[in-house]
C-alpha atoms as a PDB file:
ATOM      1  CA  MET A   1     128.859 -47.751-179.416  1.00  0.00           C
ATOM      2  CA  LYS A   2     129.193 -45.905-182.720  1.00  0.00           C
ATOM      3  CA  THR A   3     126.296 -43.863-183.964  1.00  0.00           C
ATOM      4  CA  ARG A   4     125.028 -44.144-187.522  1.00  0.00           C
ATOM      5  CA  LYS A   5     126.618 -40.828-188.557  1.00  0.00           C
ATOM      6  CA  SER A   6     130.071 -41.818-187.266  1.00  0.00           C
ATOM      7  CA  GLN A   7     130.086 -44.834-189.580  1.00  0.00           C
ATOM      8  CA  ILE A   8     129.566 -42.773-192.749  1.00  0.00           C
ATOM      9  CA  LEU A   9     132.678 -42.314-194.856  1.00  0.00           C
ATOM     10  CA  GLY A  10     132.994 -39.448-197.287  1.00  0.00           C
ATOM     11  CA  GLU A  11     130.634 -36.558-197.797  1.00  0.00           C
ATOM     12  CA  GLN A  12     127.120 -36.613-196.369  1.00  0.00           C
ATOM     13  CA  ILE A  13     124.513 -34.232-197.786  1.00  0.00           C
ATOM     14  CA  MET A  14     121.325 -33.279-195.948  1.00  0.00           C
ATOM     15  CA  LEU A  15     118.348 -32.444-198.185  1.00  0.00           C
ATOM     16  CA  ASP A  16     114.860 -31.179-197.484  1.00  0.00           C
ATOM     17  CA  GLY A  17     112.021 -32.827-199.330  1.00  0.00           C
ATOM     18  CA  MET A  18     108.894 -34.946-199.223  1.00  0.00           C
ATOM     19  CA  MET A  19     108.707 -38.710-198.993  1.00  0.00           C
ATOM     20  CA  ALA A  20     105.743 -40.790-200.127  1.00  0.00           C
ATOM     21  CA  PHE A  21     105.149 -44.357-198.877  1.00  0.00           C
ATOM     22  CA  GLY A  22     102.933 -46.714-200.836  1.00  0.00           C
ATOM     23  CA  LYS A  23     102.089 -50.293-201.664  1.00  0.00           C
ATOM     24  CA  LEU A  24     101.523 -51.840-205.092  1.00  0.00           C
ATOM     25  CA  GLU A  25      98.743 -54.320-205.914  1.00  0.00           C
ATOM     26  CA  THR A  26     101.421 -57.037-205.747  1.00  0.00           C
ATOM     27  CA  GLY A  27     102.098 -56.176-202.107  1.00  0.00           C
ATOM     28  CA  GLN A  28     105.481 -54.597-202.837  1.00  0.00           C
ATOM     29  CA  ARG A  29     106.177 -51.373-200.984  1.00  0.00           C
ATOM     30  CA  THR A  30     107.222 -48.167-202.716  1.00  0.00           C
ATOM     31  CA  LEU A  31     109.078 -45.196-201.310  1.00  0.00           C
ATOM     32  CA  ASP A  32     109.625 -42.019-203.295  1.00  0.00           C
ATOM     33  CA  PHE A  33     111.620 -39.009-202.145  1.00  0.00           C
ATOM     34  CA  GLU A  34     111.206 -35.675-203.895  1.00  0.00           C
ATOM     35  CA  CYS A  35     113.880 -33.123-203.130  1.00  0.00           C
ATOM     36  CA  CYS A  36     112.712 -29.533-202.554  1.00  0.00           C
ATOM     37  CA  GLU A  37     116.162 -28.010-203.079  1.00  0.00           C
ATOM     38  CA  ASP A  38     118.168 -27.152-206.185  1.00  0.00           C
ATOM     39  CA  VAL A  39     120.846 -29.874-206.116  1.00  0.00           C
ATOM     40  CA  ALA A  40     123.198 -31.337-208.713  1.00  0.00           C
ATOM     41  CA  ALA A  41     123.802 -34.904-207.526  1.00  0.00           C
ATOM     42  CA  GLU A  42     125.369 -37.838-209.343  1.00  0.00           C
ATOM     43  CA  PRO A  43     122.628 -40.266-210.482  1.00  0.00           C
ATOM     44  CA  PHE A  44     122.978 -43.932-209.507  1.00  0.00           C
ATOM     45  CA  VAL A  45     121.201 -47.273-209.440  1.00  0.00           C
ATOM     46  CA  ALA A  46     121.846 -49.692-206.573  1.00  0.00           C
ATOM     47  CA  ASP A  47     120.255 -52.356-204.368  1.00  0.00           C
ATOM     48  CA  PHE A  48     119.598 -51.208-200.797  1.00  0.00           C
ATOM     49  CA  HIS A  49     118.579 -52.668-197.462  1.00  0.00           C
ATOM     50  CA  VAL A  50     115.739 -50.415-196.331  1.00  0.00           C
ATOM     51  CA  GLN A  51     114.401 -50.142-192.805  1.00  0.00           C
ATOM     52  CA  GLY A  52     111.259 -48.077-192.226  1.00  0.00           C
ATOM     53  CA  MET A  53     110.601 -47.079-188.645  1.00  0.00           C
ATOM     54  CA  ARG A  54     107.272 -46.444-186.871  1.00  0.00           C
ATOM     55  CA  ASP A  55     108.051 -42.740-186.567  1.00  0.00           C
ATOM     56  CA  GLY A  56     108.458 -42.379-190.363  1.00  0.00           C
ATOM     57  CA  ASN A  57     112.249 -42.368-190.393  1.00  0.00           C
ATOM     58  CA  VAL A  58     113.794 -44.487-193.150  1.00  0.00           C
ATOM     59  CA  TYR A  59     117.325 -45.870-193.122  1.00  0.00           C
ATOM     60  CA  MET A  60     118.900 -47.220-196.293  1.00  0.00           C
ATOM     61  CA  THR A  61     122.230 -48.980-196.736  1.00  0.00           C
ATOM     62  CA  GLU A  62     123.553 -50.064-200.128  1.00  0.00           C
ATOM     63  CA  ARG A  63     124.050 -53.808-200.388  1.00  0.00           C
ATOM     64  CA  PRO A  64     127.487 -55.054-201.472  1.00  0.00           C
ATOM     65  CA  LYS A  65     127.868 -55.884-205.150  1.00  0.00           C
ATOM     66  CA  ARG A  66     127.409 -59.554-205.967  1.00  0.00           C
ATOM     67  CA  ARG A  67     130.665 -61.178-206.992  1.00  0.00           C
ATOM     68  CA  LYS A  68     129.919 -63.536-209.865  1.00  0.00           C
ATOM     69  CA  ASN A  69     131.731 -66.840-210.192  1.00  0.00           C
ATOM     70  CA  LYS A  70     133.574 -67.185-213.485  1.00  0.00           C
ATOM     71  CA  PRO A  71     132.804 -70.526-215.179  1.00  0.00           C
ATOM     72  CA  ILE A  72     135.716 -72.960-215.454  1.00  0.00           C
ATOM     73  CA  PHE A  73     133.956 -75.198-217.988  1.00  0.00           C
ATOM     74  CA  ARG A  74     130.729 -74.820-220.003  1.00  0.00           C
ATOM     75  CA  ASP A  75     128.468 -77.077-222.016  1.00  0.00           C
ATOM     76  CA  ASP A  76     125.167 -76.410-223.826  1.00  0.00           C
ATOM     77  CA  ASN A  77     122.946 -76.189-220.719  1.00  0.00           C
ATOM     78  CA  CYS A  78     125.436 -76.206-217.841  1.00  0.00           C
ATOM     79  CA  SER A  79     128.566 -74.769-216.334  1.00  0.00           C
ATOM     80  CA  LEU A  80     131.038 -75.528-213.570  1.00  0.00           C
ATOM     81  CA  SER A  81     132.458 -72.657-211.555  1.00  0.00           C
ATOM     82  CA  HIS A  82     134.562 -72.216-208.444  1.00  0.00           C
ATOM     83  CA  GLY A  83     133.098 -69.829-205.882  1.00  0.00           C
ATOM     84  CA  HIS A  84     134.866 -67.231-203.795  1.00  0.00           C
ATOM     85  CA  ASN A  85     133.878 -69.361-200.795  1.00  0.00           C
ATOM     86  CA  GLY A  86     136.024 -72.303-201.984  1.00  0.00           C
ATOM     87  CA  LYS A  87     133.100 -74.411-203.254  1.00  0.00           C
ATOM     88  CA  TYR A  88     132.482 -75.786-206.750  1.00  0.00           C
ATOM     89  CA  TYR A  89     129.103 -75.127-208.391  1.00  0.00           C
ATOM     90  CA  PHE A  90     127.540 -77.188-211.175  1.00  0.00           C
ATOM     91  CA  VAL A  91     124.543 -75.391-212.695  1.00  0.00           C
ATOM     92  CA  PHE A  92     122.213 -77.033-215.219  1.00  0.00           C
ATOM     93  CA  THR A  93     119.239 -75.222-216.760  1.00  0.00           C
ATOM     94  CA  MET A  94     116.615 -76.394-219.226  1.00  0.00           C
ATOM     95  CA  ASP A  95     113.191 -75.108-220.248  1.00  0.00           C
ATOM     96  CA  ASP A  96     110.003 -76.781-218.956  1.00  0.00           C
ATOM     97  CA  ASP A  97     108.943 -77.876-222.433  1.00  0.00           C
ATOM     98  CA  GLU A  98     112.104 -79.995-222.777  1.00  0.00           C
ATOM     99  CA  LEU A  99     111.389 -82.197-219.734  1.00  0.00           C
ATOM    100  CA  ASN A 100     111.529 -85.388-221.830  1.00  0.00           C
ATOM    101  CA  ARG A 101     115.154 -84.560-222.831  1.00  0.00           C
ATOM    102  CA  LEU A 102     116.250 -83.505-219.336  1.00  0.00           C
ATOM    103  CA  PRO A 103     117.523 -86.834-217.893  1.00  0.00           C
ATOM    104  CA  GLN A 104     119.576 -87.734-220.987  1.00  0.00           C
ATOM    105  CA  GLN A 105     120.991 -84.208-221.406  1.00  0.00           C
ATOM    106  CA  LEU A 106     121.804 -83.899-217.709  1.00  0.00           C
ATOM    107  CA  VAL A 107     123.752 -87.174-217.691  1.00  0.00           C
ATOM    108  CA  GLN A 108     125.519 -86.393-220.979  1.00  0.00           C
ATOM    109  CA  GLN A 109     126.532 -82.820-220.153  1.00  0.00           C
ATOM    110  CA  ALA A 110     127.497 -83.583-216.544  1.00  0.00           C
ATOM    111  CA  GLY A 111     129.670 -86.381-217.938  1.00  0.00           C
ATOM    112  CA  ASN A 112     131.288 -83.974-220.410  1.00  0.00           C
ATOM    113  CA  ILE A 113     132.143 -81.560-217.604  1.00  0.00           C
ATOM    114  CA  ALA A 114     133.404 -84.396-215.379  1.00  0.00           C
ATOM    115  CA  ARG A 115     135.740 -85.602-218.151  1.00  0.00           C
ATOM    116  CA  LYS A 116     137.105 -82.076-218.599  1.00  0.00           C
ATOM    117  CA  VAL A 117     137.747 -81.841-214.840  1.00  0.00           C
ATOM    118  CA  MET A 118     139.497 -85.225-214.830  1.00  0.00           C
ATOM    119  CA  LYS A 119     141.775 -84.151-217.709  1.00  0.00           C
ATOM    120  CA  GLU A 120     142.614 -80.959-215.820  1.00  0.00           C
ATOM    121  CA  ILE A 121     143.411 -82.871-212.611  1.00  0.00           C
ATOM    122  CA  ILE A 122     145.612 -85.370-214.464  1.00  0.00           C
ATOM    123  CA  PHE A 123     147.365 -82.528-216.327  1.00  0.00           C
ATOM    124  CA  ASP A 124     148.002 -80.660-213.059  1.00  0.00           C
ATOM    125  CA  LYS A 125     149.438 -83.807-211.419  1.00  0.00           C
ATOM    126  CA  GLU A 126     151.808 -84.356-214.369  1.00  0.00           C
ATOM    127  CA  VAL A 127     152.955 -80.731-214.343  1.00  0.00           C
ATOM    128  CA  MET A 128     153.371 -80.565-210.563  1.00  0.00           C
ATOM    129  CA  GLY A 129     154.687 -83.953-209.976  1.00  0.00           C
END
């Protein structure tokens, strides 16, 4: 079984400092680390998986970057994209105050996207076949 240190690629730096644990009024936890050494490190912003242990140890691993799906077709309130997992996604968004327009706009814009997809399929069949 590999230990945590053996899985680290690249340079690892050990720093002395103080760590403060806290909780906001919203219930969200906070963790602040203040380094007590004179260090010149590269600043960064990232999303992490954080695991706090009973003994006060904290382990953090950066989450992979989210790969966004590029839209194939767009309309006013919607888009169709093809995911990296091989699935198609139709996303429609509209504000709450436009609820009375939602059914008509959803049908109209979904129809527009469907027609564009049909043209693309027919075009591909003609080119390929």
